[in-house]
Amino acid sequence: MAWTRVVIDTLRREYPWARPFDIWSIAGNRLREPMDAQLRRPLTAYIFGWQTPVLDGRTRAFHSCEISFVFNNADLCVNDSGGTPAALALSRKVSQAWVNFARSGNPNHAGLPKWAPVDGGRVG
């Protein structure tokens, strides 16, 4: 029996009232539990709060707007970044942090304030 069938059958027994979408949602939450255990270990987290100048800044830091910065492509994504000198400088810093993190697990570099990992809900 495929593992998906086992999961679905188990959840149908545990949640007899559940509709198909409910089963899908519950399964997603159940499969996320091991990930939650990983998050209890020291980790590196970030919040990208840069406010784009596009549309007079109304969109703020929208979901996924950091992607062009991660890949140092703010100059190619001016519809998100505005292509301003500040955006291009930030793009270089963000990209270098991601490169450093991929190489060593440590995003820090001279262009950033000290970036401490989060451990048990505490920073540093």
C-alpha atoms as a PDB file:
ATOM      1  CA  MET A   1       0.000   0.000   0.000  1.00  0.00           C
ATOM      2  CA  ALA A   2       1.397   3.420  -0.909  1.00  0.00           C
ATOM      3  CA  TRP A   3       2.275   5.637   2.046  1.00  0.00           C
ATOM      4  CA  THR A   4      -0.233   8.251   0.869  1.00  0.00           C
ATOM      5  CA  ARG A   5      -3.032   5.704   1.088  1.00  0.00           C
ATOM      6  CA  VAL A   6      -1.928   4.764   4.618  1.00  0.00           C
ATOM      7  CA  VAL A   7      -1.926   8.426   5.662  1.00  0.00           C
ATOM      8  CA  ILE A   8      -5.333   9.099   4.103  1.00  0.00           C
ATOM      9  CA  ASP A   9      -6.914   5.956   5.582  1.00  0.00           C
ATOM     10  CA  THR A  10      -5.483   6.721   9.031  1.00  0.00           C
ATOM     11  CA  LEU A  11      -6.738  10.297   8.953  1.00  0.00           C
ATOM     12  CA  ARG A  12     -10.188   9.200   7.772  1.00  0.00           C
ATOM     13  CA  ARG A  13     -10.398   6.902  10.807  1.00  0.00           C
ATOM     14  CA  GLU A  14      -9.207   9.645  13.179  1.00  0.00           C
ATOM     15  CA  TYR A  15     -11.389  12.345  11.611  1.00  0.00           C
ATOM     16  CA  PRO A  16     -14.535  10.639  10.273  1.00  0.00           C
ATOM     17  CA  TRP A  17     -16.254  14.036   9.808  1.00  0.00           C
ATOM     18  CA  ALA A  18     -13.479  15.357   7.541  1.00  0.00           C
ATOM     19  CA  ARG A  19     -14.103  16.229   3.922  1.00  0.00           C
ATOM     20  CA  PRO A  20     -11.320  15.699   1.330  1.00  0.00           C
ATOM     21  CA  PHE A  21      -9.970  19.223   1.777  1.00  0.00           C
ATOM     22  CA  ASP A  22      -9.992  18.763   5.560  1.00  0.00           C
ATOM     23  CA  ILE A  23      -7.954  15.562   5.176  1.00  0.00           C
ATOM     24  CA  TRP A  24      -5.454  17.393   2.955  1.00  0.00           C
ATOM     25  CA  SER A  25      -5.131  20.212   5.482  1.00  0.00           C
ATOM     26  CA  ILE A  26      -4.785  17.890   8.475  1.00  0.00           C
ATOM     27  CA  ALA A  27      -2.189  15.792   6.637  1.00  0.00           C
ATOM     28  CA  GLY A  28      -0.151  18.897   5.914  1.00  0.00           C
ATOM     29  CA  ASN A  29      -0.185  19.856   9.583  1.00  0.00           C
ATOM     30  CA  ARG A  30       0.729  16.330  10.689  1.00  0.00           C
ATOM     31  CA  LEU A  31       3.609  16.076   8.224  1.00  0.00           C
ATOM     32  CA  ARG A  32       4.887  19.437   9.470  1.00  0.00           C
ATOM     33  CA  GLU A  33       5.326  18.150  13.046  1.00  0.00           C
ATOM     34  CA  PRO A  34       8.855  16.763  12.403  1.00  0.00           C
ATOM     35  CA  MET A  35       9.805  20.136  10.925  1.00  0.00           C
ATOM     36  CA  ASP A  36       8.584  21.860  14.079  1.00  0.00           C
ATOM     37  CA  ALA A  37      10.988  19.675  16.094  1.00  0.00           C
ATOM     38  CA  GLN A  38      13.826  20.869  13.870  1.00  0.00           C
ATOM     39  CA  LEU A  39      12.849  24.467  14.557  1.00  0.00           C
ATOM     40  CA  ARG A  40      13.556  23.937  18.227  1.00  0.00           C
ATOM     41  CA  ARG A  41      17.261  23.674  17.356  1.00  0.00           C
ATOM     42  CA  PRO A  42      19.430  26.753  16.789  1.00  0.00           C
ATOM     43  CA  LEU A  43      18.524  28.262  13.438  1.00  0.00           C
ATOM     44  CA  THR A  44      19.067  31.300  11.321  1.00  0.00           C
ATOM     45  CA  ALA A  45      15.974  33.336  10.556  1.00  0.00           C
ATOM     46  CA  TYR A  46      15.430  36.573   8.715  1.00  0.00           C
ATOM     47  CA  ILE A  47      12.750  39.141   8.128  1.00  0.00           C
ATOM     48  CA  PHE A  48      13.001  41.070   4.886  1.00  0.00           C
ATOM     49  CA  GLY A  49      11.341  44.338   5.784  1.00  0.00           C
ATOM     50  CA  TRP A  50      12.670  46.540   2.994  1.00  0.00           C
ATOM     51  CA  GLN A  51      10.019  48.810   1.539  1.00  0.00           C
ATOM     52  CA  THR A  52      10.086  49.076  -2.233  1.00  0.00           C
ATOM     53  CA  PRO A  53       9.737  52.557  -3.717  1.00  0.00           C
ATOM     54  CA  VAL A  54       7.507  51.104  -6.463  1.00  0.00           C
ATOM     55  CA  LEU A  55       3.887  52.321  -6.348  1.00  0.00           C
ATOM     56  CA  ASP A  56       4.903  54.982  -3.835  1.00  0.00           C
ATOM     57  CA  GLY A  57       5.902  52.270  -1.354  1.00  0.00           C
ATOM     58  CA  ARG A  58       2.348  51.016  -0.929  1.00  0.00           C
ATOM     59  CA  THR A  59       3.265  47.359  -1.440  1.00  0.00           C
ATOM     60  CA  ARG A  60       5.877  47.406   1.339  1.00  0.00           C
ATOM     61  CA  ALA A  61       7.858  44.143   1.712  1.00  0.00           C
ATOM     62  CA  PHE A  62       5.410  41.814  -0.018  1.00  0.00           C
ATOM     63  CA  HIS A  63       5.707  38.009  -0.021  1.00  0.00           C
ATOM     64  CA  SER A  64       8.734  36.847  -2.049  1.00  0.00           C
ATOM     65  CA  CYS A  65      10.015  40.339  -2.864  1.00  0.00           C
ATOM     66  CA  GLU A  66      13.391  39.343  -1.414  1.00  0.00           C
ATOM     67  CA  ILE A  67      14.018  36.758  -4.148  1.00  0.00           C
ATOM     68  CA  SER A  68      15.542  39.220  -6.619  1.00  0.00           C
ATOM     69  CA  PHE A  69      17.802  40.458  -3.799  1.00  0.00           C
ATOM     70  CA  VAL A  70      18.859  36.934  -2.838  1.00  0.00           C
ATOM     71  CA  PHE A  71      20.077  36.344  -6.390  1.00  0.00           C
ATOM     72  CA  ASN A  72      21.527  39.873  -6.725  1.00  0.00           C
ATOM     73  CA  ASN A  73      19.059  40.630  -9.525  1.00  0.00           C
ATOM     74  CA  ALA A  74      17.425  43.787  -8.200  1.00  0.00           C
ATOM     75  CA  ASP A  75      18.677  45.524 -11.363  1.00  0.00           C
ATOM     76  CA  LEU A  76      16.744  43.010 -13.486  1.00  0.00           C
ATOM     77  CA  CYS A  77      13.569  43.189 -11.408  1.00  0.00           C
ATOM     78  CA  VAL A  78      12.973  46.913 -11.309  1.00  0.00           C
ATOM     79  CA  ASN A  79       9.222  46.344 -11.170  1.00  0.00           C
ATOM     80  CA  ASP A  80       9.851  45.042  -7.626  1.00  0.00           C
ATOM     81  CA  SER A  81      13.014  46.857  -6.556  1.00  0.00           C
ATOM     82  CA  GLY A  82      12.658  50.169  -8.353  1.00  0.00           C
ATOM     83  CA  GLY A  83      16.271  49.750  -9.484  1.00  0.00           C
ATOM     84  CA  THR A  84      17.408  52.496  -7.116  1.00  0.00           C
ATOM     85  CA  PRO A  85      21.021  52.717  -5.918  1.00  0.00           C
ATOM     86  CA  ALA A  86      19.827  51.773  -2.422  1.00  0.00           C
ATOM     87  CA  ALA A  87      18.059  48.680  -3.794  1.00  0.00           C
ATOM     88  CA  LEU A  88      21.132  47.618  -5.750  1.00  0.00           C
ATOM     89  CA  ALA A  89      23.393  48.043  -2.704  1.00  0.00           C
ATOM     90  CA  LEU A  90      20.972  46.052  -0.551  1.00  0.00           C
ATOM     91  CA  SER A  91      20.804  43.376  -3.247  1.00  0.00           C
ATOM     92  CA  ARG A  92      24.567  42.860  -3.044  1.00  0.00           C
ATOM     93  CA  LYS A  93      24.435  42.585   0.769  1.00  0.00           C
ATOM     94  CA  VAL A  94      21.505  40.167   0.842  1.00  0.00           C
ATOM     95  CA  SER A  95      22.999  38.002  -1.883  1.00  0.00           C
ATOM     96  CA  GLN A  96      26.350  37.799  -0.111  1.00  0.00           C
ATOM     97  CA  ALA A  97      24.611  36.797   3.128  1.00  0.00           C
ATOM     98  CA  TRP A  98      22.836  33.933   1.342  1.00  0.00           C
ATOM     99  CA  VAL A  99      26.052  32.825  -0.375  1.00  0.00           C
ATOM    100  CA  ASN A 100      27.863  32.835   2.971  1.00  0.00           C
ATOM    101  CA  PHE A 101      25.048  30.910   4.605  1.00  0.00           C
ATOM    102  CA  ALA A 102      25.048  28.291   1.835  1.00  0.00           C
ATOM    103  CA  ARG A 103      28.817  27.858   2.158  1.00  0.00           C
ATOM    104  CA  SER A 104      29.234  27.812   5.913  1.00  0.00           C
ATOM    105  CA  GLY A 105      25.900  28.115   7.704  1.00  0.00           C
ATOM    106  CA  ASN A 106      26.903  31.626   8.759  1.00  0.00           C
ATOM    107  CA  PRO A 107      25.366  34.543   6.794  1.00  0.00           C
ATOM    108  CA  ASN A 108      27.543  37.217   8.394  1.00  0.00           C
ATOM    109  CA  HIS A 109      29.826  39.494   6.387  1.00  0.00           C
ATOM    110  CA  ALA A 110      31.354  42.950   6.757  1.00  0.00           C
ATOM    111  CA  GLY A 111      28.342  44.670   5.143  1.00  0.00           C
ATOM    112  CA  LEU A 112      25.877  43.500   7.797  1.00  0.00           C
ATOM    113  CA  PRO A 113      25.291  44.004  11.490  1.00  0.00           C
ATOM    114  CA  LYS A 114      26.034  40.802  13.471  1.00  0.00           C
ATOM    115  CA  TRP A 115      23.439  38.182  12.606  1.00  0.00           C
ATOM    116  CA  ALA A 116      23.007  35.803  15.553  1.00  0.00           C
ATOM    117  CA  PRO A 117      21.181  32.473  15.340  1.00  0.00           C
ATOM    118  CA  VAL A 118      17.899  31.902  17.147  1.00  0.00           C
ATOM    119  CA  ASP A 119      18.152  29.251  19.867  1.00  0.00           C
ATOM    120  CA  GLY A 120      15.108  28.060  21.789  1.00  0.00           C
ATOM    121  CA  GLY A 121      13.243  31.273  21.055  1.00  0.00           C
ATOM    122  CA  ARG A 122      16.201  33.414  22.159  1.00  0.00           C
ATOM    123  CA  VAL A 123      18.356  35.378  19.734  1.00  0.00           C
ATOM    124  CA  GLY A 124      22.139  35.079  20.165  1.00  0.00           C
END
